PDB file of N, CA and C in Angstrom:
ATOM      1  N   MET A   1       9.826  -7.492   5.850  1.00  0.00           N
ATOM      2  CA  MET A   1       9.253  -6.433   5.050  1.00  0.00           C
ATOM      3  C   MET A   1       8.627  -7.066   3.820  1.00  0.00           C
ATOM      4  N   LEU A   2       7.470  -6.554   3.472  1.00  0.00           N
ATOM      5  CA  LEU A   2       6.736  -7.025   2.306  1.00  0.00           C
ATOM      6  C   LEU A   2       6.679  -5.893   1.301  1.00  0.00           C
ATOM      7  N   HIS A   3       7.164  -6.126   0.112  1.00  0.00           N
ATOM      8  CA  HIS A   3       7.110  -5.131  -0.955  1.00  0.00           C
ATOM      9  C   HIS A   3       5.946  -5.486  -1.865  1.00  0.00           C
ATOM     10  N   ILE A   4       5.067  -4.522  -2.100  1.00  0.00           N
ATOM     11  CA  ILE A   4       3.890  -4.755  -2.932  1.00  0.00           C
ATOM     12  C   ILE A   4       4.120  -4.131  -4.297  1.00  0.00           C
ATOM     13  N   ARG A   5       3.868  -4.881  -5.323  1.00  0.00           N
ATOM     14  CA  ARG A   5       3.979  -4.395  -6.692  1.00  0.00           C
ATOM     15  C   ARG A   5       2.590  -4.412  -7.313  1.00  0.00           C
ATOM     16  N   GLY A   6       2.366  -3.531  -8.258  1.00  0.00           N
ATOM     17  CA  GLY A   6       1.085  -3.514  -8.928  1.00  0.00           C
ATOM     18  C   GLY A   6       0.335  -2.239  -8.631  1.00  0.00           C
ATOM     19  N   SER A   7      -0.965  -2.275  -8.828  1.00  0.00           N
ATOM     20  CA  SER A   7      -1.762  -1.079  -8.602  1.00  0.00           C
ATOM     21  C   SER A   7      -3.145  -1.483  -8.106  1.00  0.00           C
ATOM     22  N   GLY A   8      -3.860  -0.495  -7.663  1.00  0.00           N
ATOM     23  CA  GLY A   8      -5.216  -0.725  -7.180  1.00  0.00           C
ATOM     24  C   GLY A   8      -5.234  -1.083  -5.708  1.00  0.00           C
ATOM     25  N   GLY A   9      -6.398  -0.964  -5.123  1.00  0.00           N
ATOM     26  CA  GLY A   9      -6.561  -1.248  -3.709  1.00  0.00           C
ATOM     27  C   GLY A   9      -6.975  -2.673  -3.417  1.00  0.00           C
ATOM     28  N   ASP A  10      -7.145  -3.488  -4.458  1.00  0.00           N
ATOM     29  CA  ASP A  10      -7.628  -4.846  -4.233  1.00  0.00           C
ATOM     30  C   ASP A  10      -6.642  -5.732  -3.492  1.00  0.00           C
ATOM     31  N   VAL A  11      -5.385  -5.340  -3.414  1.00  0.00           N
ATOM     32  CA  VAL A  11      -4.384  -6.125  -2.700  1.00  0.00           C
ATOM     33  C   VAL A  11      -4.437  -5.875  -1.196  1.00  0.00           C
ATOM     34  N   LEU A  12      -4.965  -4.737  -0.785  1.00  0.00           N
ATOM     35  CA  LEU A  12      -4.911  -4.365   0.624  1.00  0.00           C
ATOM     36  C   LEU A  12      -5.632  -5.327   1.566  1.00  0.00           C
ATOM     37  N   PRO A  13      -6.814  -5.860   1.241  1.00  0.00           N
ATOM     38  CA  PRO A  13      -7.429  -6.828   2.159  1.00  0.00           C
ATOM     39  C   PRO A  13      -6.527  -8.028   2.450  1.00  0.00           C
ATOM     40  N   ASP A  14      -5.818  -8.508   1.430  1.00  0.00           N
ATOM     41  CA  ASP A  14      -4.891  -9.627   1.645  1.00  0.00           C
ATOM     42  C   ASP A  14      -3.724  -9.212   2.536  1.00  0.00           C
ATOM     43  N   VAL A  15      -3.234  -7.998   2.345  1.00  0.00           N
ATOM     44  CA  VAL A  15      -2.132  -7.493   3.178  1.00  0.00           C
ATOM     45  C   VAL A  15      -2.590  -7.383   4.625  1.00  0.00           C
ATOM     46  N   PHE A  16      -3.796  -6.875   4.860  1.00  0.00           N
ATOM     47  CA  PHE A  16      -4.306  -6.745   6.225  1.00  0.00           C
ATOM     48  C   PHE A  16      -4.520  -8.118   6.874  1.00  0.00           C
ATOM     49  N   ARG A  17      -4.997  -9.093   6.096  1.00  0.00           N
ATOM     50  CA  ARG A  17      -5.165 -10.455   6.635  1.00  0.00           C
ATOM     51  C   ARG A  17      -3.810 -11.058   7.009  1.00  0.00           C
ATOM     52  N   LEU A  18      -2.808 -10.861   6.168  1.00  0.00           N
ATOM     53  CA  LEU A  18      -1.469 -11.361   6.450  1.00  0.00           C
ATOM     54  C   LEU A  18      -0.908 -10.704   7.711  1.00  0.00           C
ATOM     55  N   ALA A  19      -1.066  -9.391   7.808  1.00  0.00           N
ATOM     56  CA  ALA A  19      -0.574  -8.676   8.992  1.00  0.00           C
ATOM     57  C   ALA A  19      -1.272  -9.171  10.256  1.00  0.00           C
ATOM     58  N   GLU A  20      -2.561  -9.426  10.169  1.00  0.00           N
ATOM     59  CA  GLU A  20      -3.291  -9.936  11.331  1.00  0.00           C
ATOM     60  C   GLU A  20      -2.774 -11.321  11.726  1.00  0.00           C
ATOM     61  N   ALA A  21      -2.559 -12.185  10.737  1.00  0.00           N
ATOM     62  CA  ALA A  21      -2.059 -13.535  11.017  1.00  0.00           C
ATOM     63  C   ALA A  21      -0.668 -13.502  11.643  1.00  0.00           C
ATOM     64  N   LEU A  22       0.154 -12.544  11.219  1.00  0.00           N
ATOM     65  CA  LEU A  22       1.523 -12.422  11.736  1.00  0.00           C
ATOM     66  C   LEU A  22       1.605 -11.519  12.972  1.00  0.00           C
ATOM     67  N   ARG A  23       0.452 -10.963  13.356  1.00  0.00           N
ATOM     68  CA  ARG A  23       0.386 -10.040  14.497  1.00  0.00           C
ATOM     69  C   ARG A  23       1.332  -8.853  14.321  1.00  0.00           C
ATOM     70  N   CYS A  24       1.242  -8.229  13.150  1.00  0.00           N
ATOM     71  CA  CYS A  24       2.075  -7.063  12.883  1.00  0.00           C
ATOM     72  C   CYS A  24       1.226  -5.954  12.275  1.00  0.00           C
ATOM     73  N   LYS A  25       1.828  -4.838  12.042  1.00  0.00           N
ATOM     74  CA  LYS A  25       1.148  -3.669  11.485  1.00  0.00           C
ATOM     75  C   LYS A  25       1.609  -3.460  10.049  1.00  0.00           C
ATOM     76  N   VAL A  26       0.828  -2.692   9.297  1.00  0.00           N
ATOM     77  CA  VAL A  26       1.167  -2.347   7.921  1.00  0.00           C
ATOM     78  C   VAL A  26       1.677  -0.907   7.929  1.00  0.00           C
ATOM     79  N   LEU A  27       2.945  -0.736   7.604  1.00  0.00           N
ATOM     80  CA  LEU A  27       3.603   0.560   7.657  1.00  0.00           C
ATOM     81  C   LEU A  27       3.865   1.079   6.254  1.00  0.00           C
ATOM     82  N   ASP A  28       3.536   2.334   6.035  1.00  0.00           N
ATOM     83  CA  ASP A  28       3.852   3.006   4.780  1.00  0.00           C
ATOM     84  C   ASP A  28       5.261   3.569   4.925  1.00  0.00           C
ATOM     85  N   CYS A  29       6.229   2.948   4.296  1.00  0.00           N
ATOM     86  CA  CYS A  29       7.626   3.365   4.429  1.00  0.00           C
ATOM     87  C   CYS A  29       7.891   4.736   3.813  1.00  0.00           C
ATOM     88  N   ALA A  30       7.028   5.183   2.919  1.00  0.00           N
ATOM     89  CA  ALA A  30       7.234   6.478   2.284  1.00  0.00           C
ATOM     90  C   ALA A  30       7.033   7.633   3.255  1.00  0.00           C
ATOM     91  N   ASN A  31       6.049   7.498   4.158  1.00  0.00           N
ATOM     92  CA  ASN A  31       5.793   8.608   5.075  1.00  0.00           C
ATOM     93  C   ASN A  31       5.793   8.213   6.546  1.00  0.00           C
ATOM     94  N   GLY A  32       5.993   6.944   6.839  1.00  0.00           N
ATOM     95  CA  GLY A  32       6.093   6.493   8.222  1.00  0.00           C
ATOM     96  C   GLY A  32       4.764   6.301   8.926  1.00  0.00           C
ATOM     97  N   ASP A  33       3.659   6.429   8.211  1.00  0.00           N
ATOM     98  CA  ASP A  33       2.333   6.243   8.814  1.00  0.00           C
ATOM     99  C   ASP A  33       1.888   4.793   8.685  1.00  0.00           C
ATOM    100  N   LEU A  34       1.023   4.386   9.613  1.00  0.00           N
ATOM    101  CA  LEU A  34       0.417   3.073   9.508  1.00  0.00           C
ATOM    102  C   LEU A  34      -0.707   3.127   8.486  1.00  0.00           C
ATOM    103  N   ILE A  35      -0.842   2.045   7.728  1.00  0.00           N
ATOM    104  CA  ILE A  35      -1.960   1.892   6.806  1.00  0.00           C
ATOM    105  C   ILE A  35      -2.947   0.959   7.493  1.00  0.00           C
ATOM    106  N   THR A  36      -4.174   1.404   7.632  1.00  0.00           N
ATOM    107  CA  THR A  36      -5.221   0.596   8.246  1.00  0.00           C
ATOM    108  C   THR A  36      -6.392   0.520   7.265  1.00  0.00           C
ATOM    109  N   PRO A  37      -7.319  -0.404   7.486  1.00  0.00           N
ATOM    110  CA  PRO A  37      -8.447  -0.497   6.563  1.00  0.00           C
ATOM    111  C   PRO A  37      -9.191   0.829   6.370  1.00  0.00           C
ATOM    112  N   GLY A  38      -9.200   1.681   7.358  1.00  0.00           N
ATOM    113  CA  GLY A  38      -9.885   2.959   7.227  1.00  0.00           C
ATOM    114  C   GLY A  38      -8.980   4.106   6.807  1.00  0.00           C
ATOM    115  N   HIS A  39      -7.669   3.844   6.672  1.00  0.00           N
ATOM    116  CA  HIS A  39      -6.724   4.922   6.351  1.00  0.00           C
ATOM    117  C   HIS A  39      -5.705   4.409   5.343  1.00  0.00           C
ATOM    118  N   THR A  40      -6.066   4.460   4.066  1.00  0.00           N
ATOM    119  CA  THR A  40      -5.195   3.930   3.001  1.00  0.00           C
ATOM    120  C   THR A  40      -4.676   5.034   2.091  1.00  0.00           C
ATOM    121  N   SER A  41      -4.756   6.272   2.555  1.00  0.00           N
ATOM    122  CA  SER A  41      -4.383   7.390   1.680  1.00  0.00           C
ATOM    123  C   SER A  41      -2.917   7.344   1.259  1.00  0.00           C
ATOM    124  N   GLY A  42      -2.035   6.806   2.090  1.00  0.00           N
ATOM    125  CA  GLY A  42      -0.630   6.693   1.707  1.00  0.00           C
ATOM    126  C   GLY A  42      -0.440   5.783   0.511  1.00  0.00           C
ATOM    127  N   TRP A  43      -1.154   4.686   0.478  1.00  0.00           N
ATOM    128  CA  TRP A  43      -1.090   3.743  -0.644  1.00  0.00           C
ATOM    129  C   TRP A  43      -1.614   4.405  -1.912  1.00  0.00           C
ATOM    130  N   GLU A  44      -2.720   5.124  -1.785  1.00  0.00           N
ATOM    131  CA  GLU A  44      -3.304   5.797  -2.932  1.00  0.00           C
ATOM    132  C   GLU A  44      -2.386   6.915  -3.436  1.00  0.00           C
ATOM    133  N   ALA A  45      -1.783   7.656  -2.523  1.00  0.00           N
ATOM    134  CA  ALA A  45      -0.873   8.746  -2.906  1.00  0.00           C
ATOM    135  C   ALA A  45       0.352   8.192  -3.627  1.00  0.00           C
ATOM    136  N   PHE A  46       0.869   7.044  -3.159  1.00  0.00           N
ATOM    137  CA  PHE A  46       2.019   6.439  -3.821  1.00  0.00           C
ATOM    138  C   PHE A  46       1.680   6.067  -5.258  1.00  0.00           C
ATOM    139  N   GLN A  47       0.515   5.480  -5.461  1.00  0.00           N
ATOM    140  CA  GLN A  47       0.123   5.078  -6.807  1.00  0.00           C
ATOM    141  C   GLN A  47       0.000   6.287  -7.734  1.00  0.00           C
ATOM    142  N   GLU A  48      -0.570   7.375  -7.229  1.00  0.00           N
ATOM    143  CA  GLU A  48      -0.681   8.594  -8.026  1.00  0.00           C
ATOM    144  C   GLU A  48       0.705   9.130  -8.390  1.00  0.00           C
ATOM    145  N   TYR A  49       1.619   9.139  -7.415  1.00  0.00           N
ATOM    146  CA  TYR A  49       2.989   9.594  -7.671  1.00  0.00           C
ATOM    147  C   TYR A  49       3.656   8.725  -8.734  1.00  0.00           C
ATOM    148  N   ARG A  50       3.537   7.412  -8.570  1.00  0.00           N
ATOM    149  CA  ARG A  50       4.161   6.481  -9.505  1.00  0.00           C
ATOM    150  C   ARG A  50       3.634   6.678 -10.923  1.00  0.00           C
ATOM    151  N   GLU A  51       2.345   6.873 -11.056  1.00  0.00           N
ATOM    152  CA  GLU A  51       1.756   7.073 -12.373  1.00  0.00           C
ATOM    153  C   GLU A  51       2.246   8.369 -13.016  1.00  0.00           C
ATOM    154  N   ARG A  52       2.421   9.427 -12.206  1.00  0.00           N
ATOM    155  CA  ARG A  52       2.947  10.678 -12.749  1.00  0.00           C
ATOM    156  C   ARG A  52       4.416  10.528 -13.142  1.00  0.00           C
ATOM    157  N   ALA A  53       5.181   9.836 -12.294  1.00  0.00           N
ATOM    158  CA  ALA A  53       6.629   9.700 -12.531  1.00  0.00           C
ATOM    159  C   ALA A  53       6.938   8.794 -13.710  1.00  0.00           C
ATOM    160  N   LEU A  54       6.182   7.720 -13.858  1.00  0.00           N
ATOM    161  CA  LEU A  54       6.470   6.730 -14.895  1.00  0.00           C
ATOM    162  C   LEU A  54       5.659   6.932 -16.163  1.00  0.00           C
ATOM    163  N   GLY A  55       4.615   7.703 -16.103  1.00  0.00           N
ATOM    164  CA  GLY A  55       3.754   7.876 -17.266  1.00  0.00           C
ATOM    165  C   GLY A  55       2.763   6.742 -17.393  1.00  0.00           C
ATOM    166  N   PRO A  56       1.955   6.762 -18.433  1.00  0.00           N
ATOM    167  CA  PRO A  56       0.935   5.725 -18.609  1.00  0.00           C
ATOM    168  C   PRO A  56       1.570   4.338 -18.777  1.00  0.00           C
ATOM    169  N   SER A  57       0.915   3.335 -18.187  1.00  0.00           N
ATOM    170  CA  SER A  57       1.425   1.958 -18.328  1.00  0.00           C
ATOM    171  C   SER A  57       1.049   1.417 -19.692  1.00  0.00           C
ATOM    172  N   GLN A  58       1.855   0.506 -20.163  1.00  0.00           N
ATOM    173  CA  GLN A  58       1.659  -0.087 -21.489  1.00  0.00           C
ATOM    174  C   GLN A  58       0.642  -1.192 -21.422  1.00  0.00           C
TER     175      GLN A  58
END
C-alpha cells in the first residue's frame, strides 16, 4: 500500500507510472473505486474533504 501525502494532482502521473511498473492498480481506499488517469474524482474529493476538515494550511 502506498500512502500519498500532500495536495494537488501533480503526484498522480508518478503514481500511475509506479502502478504500471508494478503491474498493479491504483485503489481509492476511501470509496473502493479505482483511480485511473481519466477518473481521479476520488482523489479530488478527498482533498476537498481534507481542506474543509483541517481548515486552511499554514
